[in-house]
Amino acid sequence: MDQRQRVVVIGGGFAGFTAVRTLSRMAKGAIEIVLINPTDYFLYLPLLPEVAAGILDPRKVAIPLAGNHPGVRHLLATADTVDIEARRLKCTDAEGNPRELGYDRLVIAVGSVNKLLPIPGVAEHAHGFRSIAEALYLRDHLIRQIELAATSESPEERGARCTFVVVGAGYTGTEVAAQGQLLTLDTLRRLPELRDQPVRWILADVAPRILPELDERLSRIAHRTLSKRGVEIRTGTSVAEATADGVELSDGEFVATRSLIWCVGVRPDPMVEALGLPTEKGRLIVDEYLRVPGHPDIYACGDAAAVPDLTRPGEYTAMTAQHAGRQGRRAARNIAASYGHGRLRPYRHSDLGFVVDLGGAAAAADPLGMPLSGMIAKAVTRGYHLLAVPRGRARIAGSWLLDLVLPRQTVQLGMVSGAEVPLTSAAPERPHGVSAPQPEPAQRA
């Protein structure tokens, strides 16, 4: 029997993926590494809006786990419960069969899920955006609304089908609105019946400005870019109620629409609180070495962990891909140090800045604190993604080049139905277990 020490990593998002990749390179077979994840790929979430816009094939942002981590055993399963005292966990594989295994070191890297707010009608009528299935469904939905508007003889129905509301003006919501608007305009141009029909996009957020995480100058650039393109930006505004016919905004306006896209943010996966360990706003409290206090065999990183920010005493690191990837790498090195390879080191970061793609030739970025916009920011944004994505760089770059010279294909694929991606499925409540590991948010460079 295999007598090697076993390290189990739960979650294949930015933190988990980087942790197993780093650990496998350092361990060189000296320890057994098991990655538990419900999919056989790591999702590069920052480029998901381009999948929804029809620029990238979904396979280009789905990085296969097989072949990326030599010596790592991938368990295609969902974690259910963890017995901390016995150092054992139970999970359910892809065909519903129960599995159980022990561990010597455990890494909690389950990421985050969509944040749902108690607003009437949102769970029933809104579309989420955190998975390939949701991106493919949204692409079909946007095209379908324009095509259905072309066959309608009712001006009211045409207007409602050509109106799209995005709630949440952070990275995801802003990029979805930017890319989605261009997709709908391309679709409309091919339909002579809608020659004089305006397409209306509304980007709403309760924050005083869009992209509040960015430097205020970059936020103004993004606001100006989208406004010139015709996107209506409603700051200090949210949704009061959603219905099948439209949404009532918090300022009292009723917007007739068939499209409510929910991008209000994320919260830690419910697994974290199910562990019964101390948490901070749903995130597992860890020390600067990414270890759970009192449990030196348990590490946590990414959105699942409340990691002390040593550059800002008293604060925790933000829930971003930049932190998740770096924390996964540091957790792996500290685990290796616990076996005598290397030295235990605290997690300390230096901010690389932000990048946000605004569709077409527009972008905003502040690499190393230098604010950029326009084509230069676009080049920096795409260059960063090509460097950050683990595999498939040539395929992604090739798709971008083709998008410059060829018209976009605006056809429905019909691969995902609305019933398969209900908004409530993004954050299942399972008080006696845990939900499926989710990808980390990836809006930060």
Protein backbone atom coordinates (compact mmCIF):
# COMPACT_ATOMS: atom_id res chain seq x y z
CA MET A 1 0.00 0.00 0.00
CA ASP A 2 1.04 3.61 -0.61
CA GLN A 3 2.56 4.89 2.66
CA ARG A 4 3.25 8.40 1.41
CA GLN A 5 1.77 11.40 3.18
CA ARG A 6 -1.43 12.54 1.48
CA VAL A 7 -2.30 16.16 0.73
CA VAL A 8 -5.90 16.75 -0.31
CA VAL A 9 -6.90 19.99 -2.06
CA ILE A 10 -10.61 20.79 -2.31
CA GLY A 11 -11.38 23.08 -5.24
CA GLY A 12 -9.81 23.55 -8.66
CA GLY A 13 -10.16 27.31 -9.04
CA PHE A 14 -7.28 29.79 -9.09
CA ALA A 15 -6.11 28.93 -5.58
CA GLY A 16 -6.51 25.14 -5.77
CA PHE A 17 -5.18 24.84 -9.32
CA THR A 18 -2.04 26.83 -8.47
CA ALA A 19 -1.55 24.97 -5.19
CA VAL A 20 -1.52 21.49 -6.75
CA ARG A 21 0.61 22.63 -9.68
CA THR A 22 3.22 24.15 -7.36
CA LEU A 23 3.15 21.25 -4.91
CA SER A 24 3.46 18.63 -7.66
CA ARG A 25 6.57 20.35 -9.01
CA MET A 26 8.15 20.60 -5.58
CA ALA A 27 7.19 17.17 -4.24
CA LYS A 28 8.29 15.17 -7.31
CA GLY A 29 6.31 12.14 -6.14
CA ALA A 30 7.46 12.24 -2.51
CA ILE A 31 3.89 12.85 -1.30
CA GLU A 32 0.49 11.83 -2.63
CA ILE A 33 -1.56 14.77 -3.91
CA VAL A 34 -5.33 14.50 -4.46
CA LEU A 35 -7.39 17.28 -6.07
CA ILE A 36 -11.15 17.15 -5.51
CA ASN A 37 -13.12 19.14 -8.07
CA PRO A 38 -16.55 18.58 -9.72
CA THR A 39 -15.21 19.38 -13.21
CA ASP A 40 -12.16 18.08 -15.06
CA TYR A 41 -10.99 21.59 -15.90
CA PHE A 42 -9.85 24.84 -14.36
CA LEU A 43 -11.98 27.74 -15.59
CA TYR A 44 -10.09 30.90 -16.50
CA LEU A 45 -12.93 33.14 -15.42
CA PRO A 46 -11.64 36.56 -16.61
CA LEU A 47 -12.26 35.63 -20.26
CA LEU A 48 -15.76 34.26 -19.69
CA PRO A 49 -17.43 37.49 -20.95
CA GLU A 50 -15.70 36.88 -24.30
CA VAL A 51 -17.21 33.40 -24.39
CA ALA A 52 -20.65 34.93 -23.87
CA ALA A 53 -19.90 37.45 -26.63
CA GLY A 54 -18.97 34.72 -29.11
CA ILE A 55 -15.33 35.80 -29.39
CA LEU A 56 -13.82 32.74 -27.69
CA ASP A 57 -14.77 29.09 -27.83
CA PRO A 58 -15.52 27.84 -24.27
CA ARG A 59 -12.83 25.18 -24.56
CA LYS A 60 -10.21 27.91 -24.74
CA VAL A 61 -10.96 29.07 -21.19
CA ALA A 62 -11.41 25.55 -19.78
CA ILE A 63 -7.90 24.32 -18.93
CA PRO A 64 -7.82 20.50 -18.57
CA LEU A 65 -6.65 19.30 -15.18
CA ALA A 66 -5.22 16.13 -16.71
CA GLY A 67 -1.68 16.64 -17.92
CA ASN A 68 -1.14 19.90 -16.04
CA HIS A 69 -0.21 18.31 -12.74
CA PRO A 70 2.11 15.31 -13.05
CA GLY A 71 1.63 12.90 -10.19
CA VAL A 72 -1.64 14.47 -8.99
CA ARG A 73 -4.71 12.28 -8.64
CA HIS A 74 -7.84 14.13 -9.72
CA LEU A 75 -11.04 13.02 -8.02
CA LEU A 76 -14.03 14.13 -10.10
CA ALA A 77 -16.33 14.72 -7.15
CA THR A 78 -18.04 17.19 -4.85
CA ALA A 79 -16.89 17.42 -1.24
CA ASP A 80 -19.70 16.77 1.23
CA THR A 81 -18.36 16.72 4.80
CA VAL A 82 -15.04 16.96 6.59
CA ASP A 83 -14.31 15.20 9.88
CA ILE A 84 -11.55 17.42 11.22
CA GLU A 85 -10.72 15.25 14.24
CA ALA A 86 -10.45 12.04 12.22
CA ARG A 87 -8.79 13.79 9.27
CA ARG A 88 -11.23 12.25 6.84
CA LEU A 89 -13.66 13.66 4.32
CA LYS A 90 -16.62 12.35 2.38
CA CYS A 91 -17.50 13.28 -1.16
CA THR A 92 -19.81 12.26 -4.00
CA ASP A 93 -18.39 11.43 -7.40
CA ALA A 94 -19.76 12.48 -10.80
CA GLU A 95 -22.14 9.49 -10.93
CA GLY A 96 -23.52 9.96 -7.43
CA ASN A 97 -21.38 7.34 -5.69
CA PRO A 98 -20.12 8.13 -2.17
CA ARG A 99 -16.37 8.24 -1.60
CA GLU A 100 -14.32 8.64 1.56
CA LEU A 101 -10.63 9.33 2.05
CA GLY A 102 -8.23 10.47 4.71
CA TYR A 103 -5.64 13.21 4.60
CA ASP A 104 -2.48 14.35 6.34
CA ARG A 105 -2.74 17.92 5.05
CA LEU A 106 -5.93 19.55 3.80
CA VAL A 107 -6.19 22.67 1.62
CA ILE A 108 -9.57 24.43 1.53
CA ALA A 109 -9.75 26.28 -1.78
CA VAL A 110 -13.45 26.04 -2.62
CA GLY A 111 -13.75 29.60 -3.85
CA SER A 112 -17.02 31.49 -3.90
CA VAL A 113 -20.58 31.43 -5.21
CA ASN A 114 -23.03 34.03 -6.47
CA LYS A 115 -24.33 36.39 -3.84
CA LEU A 116 -28.13 36.35 -3.72
CA LEU A 117 -30.06 39.20 -2.15
CA PRO A 118 -33.61 38.91 -0.79
CA ILE A 119 -35.18 40.84 -3.68
CA PRO A 120 -38.57 39.55 -4.90
CA GLY A 121 -38.37 37.78 -8.25
CA VAL A 122 -34.59 37.84 -8.71
CA ALA A 123 -34.03 34.12 -8.12
CA GLU A 124 -36.80 33.29 -10.61
CA HIS A 125 -36.05 35.78 -13.39
CA ALA A 126 -32.35 36.73 -13.27
CA HIS A 127 -29.46 35.07 -15.09
CA GLY A 128 -26.17 34.46 -13.27
CA PHE A 129 -22.70 34.57 -14.73
CA ARG A 130 -20.07 32.36 -13.13
CA SER A 131 -19.81 29.25 -15.28
CA ILE A 132 -19.39 28.12 -18.87
CA ALA A 133 -23.00 26.90 -18.92
CA GLU A 134 -24.24 30.33 -17.81
CA ALA A 135 -22.08 32.08 -20.40
CA LEU A 136 -23.36 29.86 -23.22
CA TYR A 137 -26.94 30.28 -22.07
CA LEU A 138 -26.57 34.06 -21.86
CA ARG A 139 -25.13 34.22 -25.38
CA ASP A 140 -28.09 32.27 -26.78
CA HIS A 141 -30.51 34.34 -24.72
CA LEU A 142 -29.19 37.68 -25.99
CA ILE A 143 -29.30 36.57 -29.61
CA ARG A 144 -32.73 35.00 -29.15
CA GLN A 145 -34.23 38.19 -27.74
CA ILE A 146 -33.08 40.20 -30.76
CA GLU A 147 -34.33 37.56 -33.20
CA LEU A 148 -37.71 37.32 -31.44
CA ALA A 149 -38.00 41.10 -31.50
CA ALA A 150 -37.59 40.97 -35.29
CA THR A 151 -40.65 38.72 -35.62
CA SER A 152 -42.86 40.73 -33.26
CA GLU A 153 -45.41 43.23 -34.52
CA SER A 154 -45.76 44.86 -31.10
CA PRO A 155 -43.54 47.91 -30.54
CA GLU A 156 -43.78 47.33 -26.79
CA GLU A 157 -42.61 43.75 -27.07
CA ARG A 158 -39.81 44.73 -29.44
CA GLY A 159 -38.62 47.35 -26.98
CA ALA A 160 -38.71 44.95 -24.04
CA ARG A 161 -36.79 42.25 -25.91
CA CYS A 162 -34.17 44.78 -26.99
CA THR A 163 -33.64 46.05 -23.42
CA PHE A 164 -31.05 44.44 -21.15
CA VAL A 165 -30.40 45.18 -17.48
CA VAL A 166 -27.14 44.26 -15.75
CA VAL A 167 -27.09 44.59 -11.97
CA GLY A 168 -23.64 44.96 -10.47
CA ALA A 169 -21.02 47.28 -11.97
CA GLY A 170 -17.90 45.57 -10.70
CA TYR A 171 -15.51 43.80 -13.07
CA THR A 172 -17.87 41.06 -14.16
CA GLY A 173 -20.96 43.22 -14.62
CA THR A 174 -19.07 45.94 -16.46
CA GLU A 175 -17.40 43.49 -18.84
CA VAL A 176 -20.65 41.58 -19.43
CA ALA A 177 -22.46 44.83 -20.29
CA ALA A 178 -19.60 45.98 -22.53
CA GLN A 179 -19.28 42.71 -24.46
CA GLY A 180 -23.00 41.92 -24.46
CA GLN A 181 -23.96 45.26 -25.97
CA LEU A 182 -21.60 44.74 -28.91
CA LEU A 183 -22.99 41.23 -29.48
CA THR A 184 -26.59 42.47 -29.56
CA LEU A 185 -25.70 45.32 -31.92
CA ASP A 186 -24.00 42.87 -34.28
CA THR A 187 -27.08 40.65 -34.17
CA LEU A 188 -29.43 43.55 -34.84
CA ARG A 189 -27.47 44.75 -37.90
CA ARG A 190 -28.21 41.45 -39.64
CA LEU A 191 -31.97 41.87 -39.22
CA PRO A 192 -33.47 44.49 -41.55
CA GLU A 193 -36.77 44.32 -39.63
CA LEU A 194 -35.01 46.08 -36.72
CA ARG A 195 -33.23 48.75 -38.73
CA ASP A 196 -34.70 51.58 -36.64
CA GLN A 197 -34.98 49.68 -33.36
CA PRO A 198 -32.70 50.94 -30.55
CA VAL A 199 -30.94 48.46 -28.27
CA ARG A 200 -30.97 49.58 -24.66
CA TRP A 201 -28.44 48.43 -22.07
CA ILE A 202 -28.64 49.52 -18.42
CA LEU A 203 -25.78 48.95 -15.96
CA ALA A 204 -26.95 49.52 -12.39
CA ASP A 205 -25.13 49.44 -9.07
CA VAL A 206 -25.73 50.81 -5.58
CA ALA A 207 -22.15 52.09 -5.51
CA PRO A 208 -21.53 55.77 -6.32
CA ARG A 209 -19.47 54.81 -9.40
CA ILE A 210 -18.85 51.83 -11.62
CA LEU A 211 -15.78 49.67 -11.01
CA PRO A 212 -15.40 50.96 -7.44
CA GLU A 213 -12.36 48.69 -6.98
CA LEU A 214 -10.44 50.69 -9.59
CA ASP A 215 -8.63 53.96 -9.30
CA GLU A 216 -11.20 56.74 -9.69
CA ARG A 217 -9.56 57.94 -12.91
CA LEU A 218 -9.97 54.52 -14.51
CA SER A 219 -13.54 54.33 -13.29
CA ARG A 220 -14.25 57.63 -15.04
CA ILE A 221 -12.62 56.32 -18.24
CA ALA A 222 -14.79 53.20 -18.21
CA HIS A 223 -17.91 55.28 -17.45
CA ARG A 224 -17.18 57.65 -20.33
CA THR A 225 -16.38 54.82 -22.76
CA LEU A 226 -19.59 52.90 -22.08
CA SER A 227 -21.74 56.02 -21.99
CA LYS A 228 -20.49 57.11 -25.42
CA ARG A 229 -21.41 53.68 -26.70
CA GLY A 230 -24.96 54.11 -25.40
CA VAL A 231 -24.91 52.10 -22.18
CA GLU A 232 -27.07 53.76 -19.49
CA ILE A 233 -25.16 53.78 -16.22
CA ARG A 234 -27.28 54.04 -13.08
CA THR A 235 -25.17 54.45 -9.96
CA GLY A 236 -26.81 54.47 -6.55
CA THR A 237 -29.48 52.22 -8.04
CA SER A 238 -30.47 48.60 -7.69
CA VAL A 239 -33.47 46.36 -8.37
CA ALA A 240 -36.49 46.53 -6.08
CA GLU A 241 -38.42 43.70 -7.78
CA ALA A 242 -38.12 41.48 -10.82
CA THR A 243 -41.00 40.01 -12.83
CA ALA A 244 -41.44 38.15 -16.08
CA ASP A 245 -42.26 41.48 -17.77
CA GLY A 246 -39.42 43.58 -16.41
CA VAL A 247 -37.72 45.04 -13.37
CA GLU A 248 -38.60 47.83 -11.00
CA LEU A 249 -35.51 49.82 -10.10
CA SER A 250 -34.94 51.22 -6.63
CA ASP A 251 -35.57 54.74 -7.95
CA GLY A 252 -39.13 53.71 -8.85
CA GLU A 253 -38.71 53.32 -12.62
CA PHE A 254 -40.15 50.18 -14.21
CA VAL A 255 -38.04 48.88 -17.10
CA ALA A 256 -39.76 46.48 -19.47
CA THR A 257 -37.25 43.76 -20.28
CA ARG A 258 -36.84 40.01 -20.69
CA SER A 259 -33.19 40.12 -19.61
CA LEU A 260 -31.95 40.65 -16.05
CA ILE A 261 -28.29 39.70 -15.64
CA TRP A 262 -27.14 39.29 -12.04
CA CYS A 263 -23.52 40.24 -11.32
CA VAL A 264 -23.75 41.70 -7.81
CA GLY A 265 -20.75 39.88 -6.44
CA VAL A 266 -19.82 36.70 -4.64
CA ARG A 267 -19.73 35.18 -1.19
CA PRO A 268 -17.57 32.35 0.18
CA ASP A 269 -18.74 28.83 -0.55
CA PRO A 270 -21.08 27.52 2.20
CA MET A 271 -18.57 24.72 2.88
CA VAL A 272 -16.47 27.11 4.92
CA GLU A 273 -19.07 27.73 7.61
CA ALA A 274 -20.10 24.05 7.53
CA LEU A 275 -16.65 23.16 8.86
CA GLY A 276 -17.53 24.70 12.22
CA LEU A 277 -14.26 26.64 12.42
CA PRO A 278 -13.94 30.39 13.12
CA THR A 279 -14.85 32.57 10.15
CA GLU A 280 -14.86 36.23 9.18
CA LYS A 281 -17.83 37.16 6.96
CA GLY A 282 -18.04 33.57 5.78
CA ARG A 283 -14.29 33.20 5.13
CA LEU A 284 -12.15 30.77 7.11
CA ILE A 285 -9.79 32.58 9.44
CA VAL A 286 -6.14 31.69 8.83
CA ASP A 287 -2.80 33.07 10.01
CA GLU A 288 -0.22 34.75 7.79
CA TYR A 289 1.09 31.29 6.83
CA LEU A 290 -2.38 30.32 5.53
CA ARG A 291 -2.88 27.78 8.34
CA VAL A 292 -6.03 27.49 10.40
CA PRO A 293 -5.18 28.44 14.01
CA GLY A 294 -5.20 25.34 16.20
CA HIS A 295 -5.19 23.04 13.16
CA PRO A 296 -1.71 23.09 11.60
CA ASP A 297 -2.74 20.35 9.17
CA ILE A 298 -5.44 22.53 7.55
CA TYR A 299 -4.63 25.36 5.12
CA ALA A 300 -7.02 27.69 3.31
CA CYS A 301 -6.51 30.13 0.46
CA GLY A 302 -8.39 32.16 -2.13
CA ASP A 303 -11.94 33.37 -1.58
CA ALA A 304 -12.49 30.72 1.09
CA ALA A 305 -9.87 32.27 3.41
CA ALA A 306 -9.69 35.46 5.45
CA VAL A 307 -5.96 36.03 4.98
CA PRO A 308 -4.32 38.83 6.97
CA ASP A 309 -3.11 41.60 4.67
CA LEU A 310 0.39 42.30 5.99
CA THR A 311 0.59 45.44 3.86
CA ARG A 312 -2.54 46.81 5.59
CA PRO A 313 -2.52 45.79 9.26
CA GLY A 314 -5.93 44.85 10.60
CA GLU A 315 -7.39 44.12 7.15
CA TYR A 316 -7.85 40.95 5.09
CA THR A 317 -6.82 40.42 1.49
CA ALA A 318 -9.49 41.02 -1.14
CA MET A 319 -11.34 38.23 -2.94
CA THR A 320 -9.50 38.44 -6.26
CA ALA A 321 -7.76 36.06 -8.64
CA GLN A 322 -4.46 37.84 -8.04
CA HIS A 323 -4.58 36.92 -4.37
CA ALA A 324 -6.04 33.45 -4.97
CA GLY A 325 -3.27 32.33 -7.30
CA ARG A 326 -0.50 33.72 -5.13
CA GLN A 327 -1.99 32.30 -1.96
CA GLY A 328 -2.31 28.88 -3.59
CA ARG A 329 1.38 29.02 -4.46
CA ARG A 330 2.35 30.12 -0.93
CA ALA A 331 0.15 27.44 0.68
CA ALA A 332 1.86 24.77 -1.44
CA ARG A 333 5.32 26.00 -0.49
CA ASN A 334 4.42 26.13 3.19
CA ILE A 335 3.06 22.58 3.01
CA ALA A 336 6.33 21.51 1.41
CA ALA A 337 8.15 23.32 4.23
CA SER A 338 6.14 21.32 6.77
CA TYR A 339 7.75 18.22 5.24
CA GLY A 340 11.23 19.70 5.42
CA HIS A 341 11.47 21.19 1.93
CA GLY A 342 12.12 24.93 2.07
CA ARG A 343 11.16 27.46 4.70
CA LEU A 344 7.80 28.51 6.12
CA ARG A 345 7.03 32.02 4.92
CA PRO A 346 4.10 34.42 5.48
CA TYR A 347 1.88 35.50 2.63
CA ARG A 348 2.76 39.02 1.56
CA HIS A 349 1.79 40.52 -1.77
CA SER A 350 2.55 43.49 -3.95
CA ASP A 351 -0.33 44.84 -6.02
CA LEU A 352 0.16 44.42 -9.77
CA GLY A 353 -2.84 46.58 -10.64
CA PHE A 354 -6.08 46.01 -12.49
CA VAL A 355 -7.21 45.27 -16.03
CA VAL A 356 -10.75 45.46 -17.39
CA ASP A 357 -11.82 44.77 -20.99
CA LEU A 358 -14.52 47.12 -22.27
CA GLY A 359 -15.09 45.37 -25.59
CA GLY A 360 -13.94 46.34 -29.07
CA ALA A 361 -10.74 48.38 -28.87
CA ALA A 362 -11.53 49.73 -25.39
CA ALA A 363 -10.05 48.77 -22.03
CA ALA A 364 -8.84 50.29 -18.77
CA ALA A 365 -5.79 49.21 -16.81
CA ASP A 366 -3.35 50.43 -14.18
CA PRO A 367 -0.35 48.09 -14.28
CA LEU A 368 1.91 48.89 -11.33
CA GLY A 369 -0.22 51.97 -10.63
CA MET A 370 0.11 53.50 -14.11
CA PRO A 371 -3.41 54.40 -15.42
CA LEU A 372 -3.96 53.45 -19.06
CA SER A 373 -6.88 53.51 -21.47
CA GLY A 374 -7.67 52.86 -25.13
CA MET A 375 -5.53 50.64 -27.35
CA ILE A 376 -2.55 50.65 -24.96
CA ALA A 377 -4.75 49.42 -22.12
CA LYS A 378 -6.25 46.83 -24.49
CA ALA A 379 -2.79 45.51 -25.34
CA VAL A 380 -1.83 45.38 -21.66
CA THR A 381 -5.09 43.63 -20.76
CA ARG A 382 -4.75 40.96 -23.42
CA GLY A 383 -1.05 40.58 -22.78
CA TYR A 384 -1.73 39.98 -19.11
CA HIS A 385 -4.33 37.31 -19.85
CA LEU A 386 -2.00 35.53 -22.27
CA LEU A 387 0.67 35.44 -19.57
CA ALA A 388 -1.73 34.40 -16.82
CA VAL A 389 -3.68 31.63 -18.59
CA PRO A 390 -1.90 28.28 -17.95
CA ARG A 391 -2.40 26.81 -21.44
CA GLY A 392 -3.90 27.54 -24.86
CA ARG A 393 -2.28 30.93 -25.41
CA ALA A 394 -1.87 30.45 -29.16
CA ARG A 395 -5.52 29.42 -29.57
CA ILE A 396 -6.74 32.43 -27.60
CA ALA A 397 -4.50 34.84 -29.51
CA GLY A 398 -5.64 33.29 -32.78
CA SER A 399 -9.28 33.85 -31.87
CA TRP A 400 -8.58 37.48 -31.06
CA LEU A 401 -6.89 37.98 -34.42
CA LEU A 402 -9.78 36.36 -36.28
CA ASP A 403 -12.24 38.57 -34.39
CA LEU A 404 -10.43 41.60 -35.82
CA VAL A 405 -10.91 40.57 -39.45
CA LEU A 406 -14.00 38.35 -39.56
CA PRO A 407 -17.62 39.14 -38.66
CA ARG A 408 -18.92 37.62 -35.47
CA GLN A 409 -21.17 34.55 -35.81
CA THR A 410 -24.47 35.45 -34.18
CA VAL A 411 -26.24 32.11 -34.03
CA GLN A 412 -27.89 30.27 -31.18
CA LEU A 413 -26.26 26.98 -30.27
CA GLY A 414 -29.08 25.69 -28.04
CA MET A 415 -26.65 23.76 -25.85
CA VAL A 416 -27.93 25.00 -22.47
CA SER A 417 -31.53 25.62 -21.44
CA GLY A 418 -32.63 28.10 -18.82
CA ALA A 419 -33.77 25.27 -16.56
CA GLU A 420 -30.18 24.04 -16.39
CA VAL A 421 -28.78 27.29 -15.01
CA PRO A 422 -31.20 28.67 -12.40
CA LEU A 423 -29.68 31.47 -10.39
CA THR A 424 -30.40 29.62 -7.15
CA SER A 425 -28.15 26.74 -8.22
CA ALA A 426 -25.16 29.00 -7.85
CA ALA A 427 -25.45 29.13 -4.06
CA PRO A 428 -27.16 26.00 -2.74
CA GLU A 429 -27.82 25.91 0.97
CA ARG A 430 -26.69 22.61 2.45
CA PRO A 431 -26.35 23.19 6.20
CA HIS A 432 -25.03 19.70 6.96
CA GLY A 433 -22.57 19.50 4.09
CA VAL A 434 -20.94 21.70 1.53
CA SER A 435 -21.60 22.88 -1.95
CA ALA A 436 -19.58 22.11 -5.04
CA PRO A 437 -16.27 23.95 -5.31
CA GLN A 438 -16.58 27.00 -7.54
CA PRO A 439 -14.01 28.99 -9.52
CA GLU A 440 -12.49 32.01 -7.88
CA PRO A 441 -13.50 35.45 -9.11
CA ALA A 442 -10.92 36.62 -11.57
CA GLN A 443 -11.41 40.27 -12.27
CA ARG A 444 -8.11 41.51 -10.91
CA ALA A 445 -4.83 41.31 -12.73
